[in-house]
Amino acid sequence: MKLLVKNLCWNIKENHMKFHTRKWIKPEDLNANNSLFGERLLAWIDEEAALYAIIQLENQHVVTKYMSSINFMSSARVNDIIEIGIAPVKFGKTSLTLKCEVRNKMTRQTIITIDEIIMVNLGKDGQPKAHGKHRIEYVKDRLEAQSK
């Protein structure tokens, strides 16, 4: 049983945070306190997690199932630039668990951390579907495999 669980839910030992997305904070992104509106930031994080999962699982039918507690540590103001970082934590049979960190490029402070974002791979029927992935794949590796 341990072997089966190990194969279905591979933990990533060295999950390096990749900061691919940057956002420029504009007046429409602010709350009444003139700081970054939390709901706007969470929408950006959800979108980034979905994009990451879609690329890794090679399926456009991916949904957010769960986000762990969210820890706001600082904020951002108009004209600040923030970065959204996503790293895989583990691959499940039908899911991909990610973690997230958002940082302010101007102040160099972490804005928010989320330890777990669970994305679920769906079939065309809208039900969870096994994805068969067990490790991070990069586009260059997929291209090399296709050319062989």
N, C-alpha and C. Protein backbone atom coordinates (compact mmCIF):
# COMPACT_ATOMS: atom_id res chain seq x y z
N MET A 1 0.82 -1.20 0.00
CA MET A 1 0.00 0.00 0.00
C MET A 1 0.86 1.26 0.00
N LYS A 2 1.97 1.26 0.77
CA LYS A 2 2.84 2.43 0.82
C LYS A 2 3.40 2.75 -0.55
N LEU A 3 3.78 1.72 -1.31
CA LEU A 3 4.33 1.92 -2.64
C LEU A 3 3.29 2.56 -3.56
N LEU A 4 2.06 2.07 -3.47
CA LEU A 4 0.98 2.62 -4.28
C LEU A 4 0.75 4.09 -3.96
N VAL A 5 0.67 4.42 -2.69
CA VAL A 5 0.47 5.82 -2.29
C VAL A 5 1.64 6.68 -2.75
N LYS A 6 2.85 6.16 -2.61
CA LYS A 6 4.04 6.90 -3.02
C LYS A 6 3.99 7.21 -4.52
N ASN A 7 3.55 6.24 -5.32
CA ASN A 7 3.47 6.46 -6.77
C ASN A 7 2.36 7.42 -7.16
N LEU A 8 1.25 7.41 -6.43
CA LEU A 8 0.12 8.27 -6.76
C LEU A 8 0.31 9.70 -6.29
N CYS A 9 1.09 9.90 -5.26
CA CYS A 9 1.20 11.22 -4.65
C CYS A 9 2.67 11.56 -4.42
N TRP A 10 3.36 11.88 -5.47
CA TRP A 10 4.80 12.13 -5.42
C TRP A 10 5.08 13.51 -4.85
N ASN A 11 5.80 13.58 -3.77
CA ASN A 11 6.17 14.86 -3.17
C ASN A 11 7.39 15.41 -3.86
N ILE A 12 7.38 16.68 -4.12
CA ILE A 12 8.50 17.33 -4.77
C ILE A 12 9.46 17.80 -3.70
N LYS A 13 10.68 17.29 -3.73
CA LYS A 13 11.66 17.58 -2.69
C LYS A 13 12.21 19.00 -2.81
N GLU A 14 12.58 19.39 -4.00
CA GLU A 14 13.21 20.69 -4.19
C GLU A 14 12.30 21.58 -5.04
N ASN A 15 11.27 22.13 -4.41
CA ASN A 15 10.33 22.96 -5.16
C ASN A 15 10.81 24.41 -5.13
N HIS A 16 11.37 24.82 -6.23
CA HIS A 16 11.89 26.17 -6.36
C HIS A 16 10.77 27.08 -6.85
N MET A 17 10.55 28.16 -6.15
CA MET A 17 9.52 29.10 -6.53
C MET A 17 9.90 29.78 -7.83
N LYS A 18 8.99 29.77 -8.78
CA LYS A 18 9.20 30.43 -10.06
C LYS A 18 8.30 31.65 -10.11
N PHE A 19 8.90 32.81 -10.29
CA PHE A 19 8.13 34.06 -10.38
C PHE A 19 8.01 34.43 -11.86
N HIS A 20 6.88 34.08 -12.45
CA HIS A 20 6.68 34.32 -13.88
C HIS A 20 5.81 35.53 -14.16
N THR A 21 4.93 35.87 -13.24
CA THR A 21 3.95 36.91 -13.52
C THR A 21 4.23 38.15 -12.69
N ARG A 22 4.17 39.27 -13.36
CA ARG A 22 4.29 40.56 -12.68
C ARG A 22 3.02 41.36 -12.95
N LYS A 23 2.63 42.12 -11.97
CA LYS A 23 1.47 43.01 -12.10
C LYS A 23 1.87 44.39 -11.64
N TRP A 24 1.41 45.37 -12.39
CA TRP A 24 1.63 46.78 -12.04
C TRP A 24 0.37 47.25 -11.34
N ILE A 25 0.49 47.73 -10.11
CA ILE A 25 -0.68 48.14 -9.33
C ILE A 25 -1.17 49.50 -9.80
N LYS A 26 -2.44 49.50 -10.23
CA LYS A 26 -3.08 50.71 -10.76
C LYS A 26 -4.18 51.17 -9.80
N PRO A 27 -4.66 52.38 -9.95
CA PRO A 27 -5.71 52.89 -9.04
C PRO A 27 -6.92 51.96 -8.92
N GLU A 28 -7.31 51.31 -9.99
CA GLU A 28 -8.49 50.42 -9.93
C GLU A 28 -8.23 49.13 -9.14
N ASP A 29 -6.98 48.87 -8.76
CA ASP A 29 -6.63 47.69 -7.97
C ASP A 29 -6.63 47.96 -6.47
N LEU A 30 -6.96 49.19 -6.06
CA LEU A 30 -6.85 49.59 -4.66
C LEU A 30 -8.17 49.48 -3.91
N ASN A 31 -8.06 49.30 -2.60
CA ASN A 31 -9.23 49.29 -1.73
C ASN A 31 -9.44 50.70 -1.15
N ALA A 32 -10.35 50.83 -0.20
CA ALA A 32 -10.65 52.13 0.40
C ALA A 32 -9.47 52.68 1.20
N ASN A 33 -8.52 51.83 1.57
CA ASN A 33 -7.33 52.23 2.31
C ASN A 33 -6.18 52.62 1.37
N ASN A 34 -6.46 52.67 0.07
CA ASN A 34 -5.45 52.97 -0.96
C ASN A 34 -4.30 51.97 -0.99
N SER A 35 -4.60 50.72 -0.63
CA SER A 35 -3.63 49.64 -0.76
C SER A 35 -4.25 48.55 -1.63
N LEU A 36 -3.44 47.63 -2.07
CA LEU A 36 -3.91 46.57 -2.97
C LEU A 36 -5.10 45.83 -2.37
N PHE A 37 -6.17 45.72 -3.14
CA PHE A 37 -7.40 45.06 -2.73
C PHE A 37 -7.14 43.55 -2.69
N GLY A 38 -7.37 42.92 -1.54
CA GLY A 38 -7.10 41.50 -1.37
C GLY A 38 -7.82 40.62 -2.36
N GLU A 39 -9.07 40.94 -2.66
CA GLU A 39 -9.85 40.14 -3.61
C GLU A 39 -9.21 40.16 -5.00
N ARG A 40 -8.70 41.30 -5.40
CA ARG A 40 -8.04 41.41 -6.71
C ARG A 40 -6.80 40.51 -6.73
N LEU A 41 -6.01 40.57 -5.66
CA LEU A 41 -4.81 39.75 -5.57
C LEU A 41 -5.15 38.26 -5.61
N LEU A 42 -6.18 37.85 -4.88
CA LEU A 42 -6.57 36.45 -4.88
C LEU A 42 -7.04 35.98 -6.26
N ALA A 43 -7.71 36.85 -7.00
CA ALA A 43 -8.12 36.50 -8.37
C ALA A 43 -6.89 36.28 -9.25
N TRP A 44 -5.87 37.14 -9.11
CA TRP A 44 -4.65 36.98 -9.89
C TRP A 44 -3.94 35.68 -9.53
N ILE A 45 -3.90 35.36 -8.23
CA ILE A 45 -3.26 34.12 -7.77
C ILE A 45 -4.00 32.91 -8.33
N ASP A 46 -5.32 32.93 -8.26
CA ASP A 46 -6.13 31.81 -8.76
C ASP A 46 -5.88 31.61 -10.26
N GLU A 47 -5.80 32.69 -11.00
CA GLU A 47 -5.54 32.60 -12.44
C GLU A 47 -4.14 32.03 -12.70
N GLU A 48 -3.15 32.50 -11.96
CA GLU A 48 -1.78 32.01 -12.14
C GLU A 48 -1.68 30.52 -11.80
N ALA A 49 -2.34 30.10 -10.72
CA ALA A 49 -2.34 28.68 -10.35
C ALA A 49 -3.00 27.83 -11.43
N ALA A 50 -4.10 28.32 -11.98
CA ALA A 50 -4.79 27.59 -13.05
C ALA A 50 -3.90 27.48 -14.29
N LEU A 51 -3.25 28.56 -14.67
CA LEU A 51 -2.36 28.52 -15.83
C LEU A 51 -1.22 27.53 -15.61
N TYR A 52 -0.64 27.55 -14.42
CA TYR A 52 0.46 26.62 -14.10
C TYR A 52 -0.03 25.18 -14.22
N ALA A 53 -1.20 24.88 -13.62
CA ALA A 53 -1.74 23.52 -13.65
C ALA A 53 -2.11 23.09 -15.06
N ILE A 54 -2.70 23.98 -15.84
CA ILE A 54 -3.07 23.66 -17.22
C ILE A 54 -1.84 23.26 -18.03
N ILE A 55 -0.76 24.00 -17.87
CA ILE A 55 0.47 23.70 -18.60
C ILE A 55 1.09 22.39 -18.11
N GLN A 56 1.17 22.20 -16.80
CA GLN A 56 1.77 20.97 -16.27
C GLN A 56 0.95 19.73 -16.61
N LEU A 57 -0.37 19.82 -16.49
CA LEU A 57 -1.23 18.66 -16.70
C LEU A 57 -1.67 18.49 -18.14
N GLU A 58 -1.34 19.47 -18.99
CA GLU A 58 -1.67 19.44 -20.42
C GLU A 58 -3.18 19.22 -20.63
N ASN A 59 -3.97 19.99 -19.88
CA ASN A 59 -5.42 19.89 -19.96
C ASN A 59 -6.01 21.25 -19.59
N GLN A 60 -6.88 21.77 -20.43
CA GLN A 60 -7.50 23.07 -20.15
C GLN A 60 -8.64 22.98 -19.14
N HIS A 61 -9.04 21.77 -18.80
CA HIS A 61 -10.15 21.58 -17.87
C HIS A 61 -9.59 21.31 -16.46
N VAL A 62 -9.21 22.39 -15.79
CA VAL A 62 -8.63 22.34 -14.45
C VAL A 62 -9.38 23.35 -13.58
N VAL A 63 -9.70 22.96 -12.35
CA VAL A 63 -10.40 23.87 -11.45
C VAL A 63 -9.69 23.93 -10.09
N THR A 64 -9.92 25.03 -9.39
CA THR A 64 -9.40 25.18 -8.04
C THR A 64 -10.34 24.47 -7.08
N LYS A 65 -9.78 23.54 -6.30
CA LYS A 65 -10.58 22.82 -5.30
C LYS A 65 -10.42 23.44 -3.92
N TYR A 66 -9.20 23.91 -3.60
CA TYR A 66 -8.92 24.31 -2.22
C TYR A 66 -7.78 25.30 -2.18
N MET A 67 -7.90 26.26 -1.27
CA MET A 67 -6.79 27.14 -0.91
C MET A 67 -6.68 27.11 0.60
N SER A 68 -5.47 26.87 1.10
CA SER A 68 -5.26 26.86 2.55
C SER A 68 -5.35 28.27 3.10
N SER A 69 -5.10 28.41 4.37
CA SER A 69 -5.17 29.74 4.97
C SER A 69 -4.22 30.69 4.23
N ILE A 70 -4.65 31.91 4.17
CA ILE A 70 -3.93 32.94 3.42
C ILE A 70 -3.32 33.89 4.43
N ASN A 71 -2.04 34.13 4.28
CA ASN A 71 -1.32 34.97 5.24
C ASN A 71 -0.89 36.27 4.56
N PHE A 72 -1.62 37.36 4.84
CA PHE A 72 -1.24 38.68 4.33
C PHE A 72 -0.17 39.25 5.25
N MET A 73 0.99 39.58 4.71
CA MET A 73 2.09 40.08 5.52
C MET A 73 2.37 41.57 5.29
N SER A 74 2.10 42.04 4.10
CA SER A 74 2.28 43.45 3.76
C SER A 74 1.35 43.74 2.60
N SER A 75 1.49 44.91 2.00
CA SER A 75 0.61 45.25 0.89
C SER A 75 1.40 45.93 -0.21
N ALA A 76 0.67 46.46 -1.15
CA ALA A 76 1.26 47.22 -2.25
C ALA A 76 0.39 48.44 -2.49
N ARG A 77 0.98 49.44 -3.08
CA ARG A 77 0.29 50.70 -3.37
C ARG A 77 0.37 50.99 -4.86
N VAL A 78 -0.33 52.02 -5.27
CA VAL A 78 -0.35 52.37 -6.68
C VAL A 78 1.08 52.56 -7.20
N ASN A 79 1.33 52.08 -8.40
CA ASN A 79 2.61 52.10 -9.12
C ASN A 79 3.63 51.08 -8.62
N ASP A 80 3.32 50.33 -7.56
CA ASP A 80 4.20 49.24 -7.17
C ASP A 80 4.09 48.12 -8.21
N ILE A 81 5.11 47.31 -8.30
CA ILE A 81 5.10 46.13 -9.16
C ILE A 81 5.22 44.93 -8.25
N ILE A 82 4.32 43.97 -8.44
CA ILE A 82 4.36 42.75 -7.64
C ILE A 82 4.68 41.56 -8.53
N GLU A 83 5.21 40.52 -7.90
CA GLU A 83 5.49 39.26 -8.60
C GLU A 83 4.70 38.15 -7.93
N ILE A 84 4.13 37.26 -8.75
CA ILE A 84 3.40 36.11 -8.24
C ILE A 84 4.24 34.88 -8.54
N GLY A 85 4.59 34.16 -7.48
CA GLY A 85 5.39 32.94 -7.63
C GLY A 85 4.57 31.72 -7.29
N ILE A 86 4.73 30.69 -8.11
CA ILE A 86 4.03 29.43 -7.93
C ILE A 86 5.07 28.31 -7.93
N ALA A 87 4.91 27.35 -7.04
CA ALA A 87 5.78 26.16 -7.02
C ALA A 87 4.92 24.94 -6.76
N PRO A 88 5.20 23.84 -7.45
CA PRO A 88 4.48 22.60 -7.17
C PRO A 88 4.93 22.00 -5.85
N VAL A 89 3.98 21.40 -5.15
CA VAL A 89 4.27 20.74 -3.88
C VAL A 89 4.17 19.22 -4.07
N LYS A 90 3.08 18.77 -4.71
CA LYS A 90 2.95 17.34 -4.98
C LYS A 90 1.94 17.08 -6.09
N PHE A 91 2.11 15.95 -6.73
CA PHE A 91 1.19 15.47 -7.74
C PHE A 91 0.34 14.38 -7.11
N GLY A 92 -0.98 14.53 -7.20
CA GLY A 92 -1.91 13.48 -6.78
C GLY A 92 -2.39 12.75 -8.01
N LYS A 93 -3.30 11.83 -7.84
CA LYS A 93 -3.83 11.06 -8.97
C LYS A 93 -4.60 11.96 -9.95
N THR A 94 -5.45 12.84 -9.41
CA THR A 94 -6.24 13.74 -10.25
C THR A 94 -5.93 15.21 -9.97
N SER A 95 -4.96 15.46 -9.09
CA SER A 95 -4.72 16.84 -8.64
C SER A 95 -3.26 17.23 -8.73
N LEU A 96 -3.04 18.51 -8.57
CA LEU A 96 -1.71 19.09 -8.47
C LEU A 96 -1.78 20.12 -7.34
N THR A 97 -0.94 19.95 -6.32
CA THR A 97 -0.91 20.87 -5.20
C THR A 97 0.23 21.86 -5.40
N LEU A 98 -0.08 23.13 -5.27
CA LEU A 98 0.87 24.21 -5.48
C LEU A 98 1.01 25.04 -4.22
N LYS A 99 2.07 25.83 -4.15
CA LYS A 99 2.18 26.85 -3.11
C LYS A 99 2.44 28.17 -3.83
N CYS A 100 2.18 29.27 -3.13
CA CYS A 100 2.28 30.58 -3.75
C CYS A 100 2.92 31.58 -2.81
N GLU A 101 3.70 32.46 -3.40
CA GLU A 101 4.22 33.62 -2.68
C GLU A 101 4.11 34.81 -3.60
N VAL A 102 3.64 35.91 -3.06
CA VAL A 102 3.57 37.16 -3.83
C VAL A 102 4.46 38.15 -3.11
N ARG A 103 5.30 38.83 -3.88
CA ARG A 103 6.21 39.80 -3.26
C ARG A 103 6.15 41.13 -4.01
N ASN A 104 6.44 42.17 -3.29
CA ASN A 104 6.45 43.52 -3.82
C ASN A 104 7.87 43.80 -4.32
N LYS A 105 8.02 44.03 -5.61
CA LYS A 105 9.35 44.27 -6.19
C LYS A 105 9.93 45.60 -5.72
N MET A 106 9.09 46.54 -5.36
CA MET A 106 9.56 47.86 -4.97
C MET A 106 10.09 47.86 -3.52
N THR A 107 9.35 47.22 -2.61
CA THR A 107 9.75 47.21 -1.20
C THR A 107 10.52 45.94 -0.82
N ARG A 108 10.52 44.96 -1.70
CA ARG A 108 11.16 43.64 -1.49
C ARG A 108 10.52 42.85 -0.35
N GLN A 109 9.30 43.19 0.01
CA GLN A 109 8.59 42.48 1.07
C GLN A 109 7.64 41.44 0.49
N THR A 110 7.48 40.35 1.24
CA THR A 110 6.46 39.36 0.88
C THR A 110 5.10 39.95 1.21
N ILE A 111 4.18 39.87 0.28
CA ILE A 111 2.83 40.38 0.49
C ILE A 111 1.92 39.29 1.05
N ILE A 112 2.02 38.10 0.47
CA ILE A 112 1.11 37.01 0.85
C ILE A 112 1.80 35.68 0.61
N THR A 113 1.45 34.69 1.43
CA THR A 113 1.85 33.31 1.18
C THR A 113 0.63 32.43 1.31
N ILE A 114 0.60 31.40 0.47
CA ILE A 114 -0.44 30.37 0.53
C ILE A 114 0.29 29.04 0.43
N ASP A 115 0.17 28.22 1.46
CA ASP A 115 0.92 26.97 1.51
C ASP A 115 0.36 25.89 0.58
N GLU A 116 -0.97 25.89 0.37
CA GLU A 116 -1.57 24.87 -0.48
C GLU A 116 -2.67 25.44 -1.36
N ILE A 117 -2.53 25.20 -2.64
CA ILE A 117 -3.60 25.45 -3.61
C ILE A 117 -3.76 24.14 -4.36
N ILE A 118 -4.92 23.51 -4.23
CA ILE A 118 -5.13 22.23 -4.89
C ILE A 118 -5.94 22.46 -6.16
N MET A 119 -5.34 22.09 -7.27
CA MET A 119 -5.97 22.18 -8.58
C MET A 119 -6.36 20.76 -9.01
N VAL A 120 -7.58 20.59 -9.53
CA VAL A 120 -8.07 19.27 -9.92
C VAL A 120 -8.22 19.21 -11.44
N ASN A 121 -7.70 18.13 -12.00
CA ASN A 121 -7.78 17.84 -13.42
C ASN A 121 -9.15 17.22 -13.72
N LEU A 122 -9.87 17.76 -14.70
CA LEU A 122 -11.20 17.26 -15.03
C LEU A 122 -11.24 16.65 -16.43
N GLY A 123 -12.13 15.68 -16.59
CA GLY A 123 -12.40 15.13 -17.91
C GLY A 123 -13.44 16.00 -18.60
N LYS A 124 -13.77 15.64 -19.82
CA LYS A 124 -14.77 16.41 -20.58
C LYS A 124 -16.15 16.37 -19.94
N ASP A 125 -16.38 15.36 -19.08
CA ASP A 125 -17.66 15.25 -18.38
C ASP A 125 -17.71 16.11 -17.12
N GLY A 126 -16.62 16.82 -16.82
CA GLY A 126 -16.57 17.69 -15.65
C GLY A 126 -16.23 16.98 -14.35
N GLN A 127 -15.89 15.71 -14.43
CA GLN A 127 -15.54 14.91 -13.26
C GLN A 127 -14.02 14.79 -13.14
N PRO A 128 -13.49 14.61 -11.90
CA PRO A 128 -12.05 14.44 -11.74
C PRO A 128 -11.53 13.29 -12.60
N LYS A 129 -10.39 13.52 -13.23
CA LYS A 129 -9.81 12.53 -14.15
C LYS A 129 -8.32 12.40 -13.84
N ALA A 130 -7.83 11.16 -13.79
CA ALA A 130 -6.40 10.91 -13.57
C ALA A 130 -5.61 11.59 -14.68
N HIS A 131 -4.52 12.25 -14.30
CA HIS A 131 -3.70 12.96 -15.29
C HIS A 131 -2.43 12.21 -15.67
N GLY A 132 -2.01 11.25 -14.89
CA GLY A 132 -0.84 10.44 -15.24
C GLY A 132 0.50 11.16 -15.09
N LYS A 133 0.51 12.30 -14.48
CA LYS A 133 1.76 13.06 -14.29
C LYS A 133 2.32 12.78 -12.89
N HIS A 134 3.66 12.74 -12.80
CA HIS A 134 4.29 12.44 -11.52
C HIS A 134 5.44 13.37 -11.20
N ARG A 135 5.77 14.26 -12.14
CA ARG A 135 6.89 15.17 -11.92
C ARG A 135 6.70 16.41 -12.78
N ILE A 136 7.46 17.44 -12.45
CA ILE A 136 7.42 18.67 -13.23
C ILE A 136 7.96 18.38 -14.62
N GLU A 137 7.28 18.89 -15.62
CA GLU A 137 7.75 18.77 -17.00
C GLU A 137 7.93 20.17 -17.57
N TYR A 138 8.99 20.34 -18.30
CA TYR A 138 9.28 21.62 -18.94
C TYR A 138 9.05 21.48 -20.44
N VAL A 139 8.68 22.56 -21.08
CA VAL A 139 8.37 22.53 -22.51
C VAL A 139 9.55 21.98 -23.31
N LYS A 140 10.77 22.39 -22.96
CA LYS A 140 11.95 21.92 -23.70
C LYS A 140 12.07 20.40 -23.62
N ASP A 141 11.73 19.80 -22.46
CA ASP A 141 11.78 18.35 -22.32
C ASP A 141 10.72 17.67 -23.17
N ARG A 142 9.54 18.27 -23.24
CA ARG A 142 8.46 17.71 -24.07
C ARG A 142 8.83 17.77 -25.54
N LEU A 143 9.46 18.87 -25.96
CA LEU A 143 9.88 19.01 -27.35
C LEU A 143 10.96 17.98 -27.70
N GLU A 144 11.91 17.76 -26.78
CA GLU A 144 12.96 16.78 -27.02
C GLU A 144 12.36 15.37 -27.15
N ALA A 145 11.38 15.04 -26.29
CA ALA A 145 10.75 13.74 -26.32
C ALA A 145 9.98 13.52 -27.61
N GLN A 146 9.36 14.57 -28.16
CA GLN A 146 8.62 14.47 -29.41
C GLN A 146 9.54 14.26 -30.60
N SER A 147 10.75 14.83 -30.53
CA SER A 147 11.66 14.73 -31.67
C SER A 147 12.38 13.37 -31.74
N LYS A 148 12.27 12.57 -30.67
CA LYS A 148 12.93 11.24 -30.67
C LYS A 148 12.13 10.20 -31.37
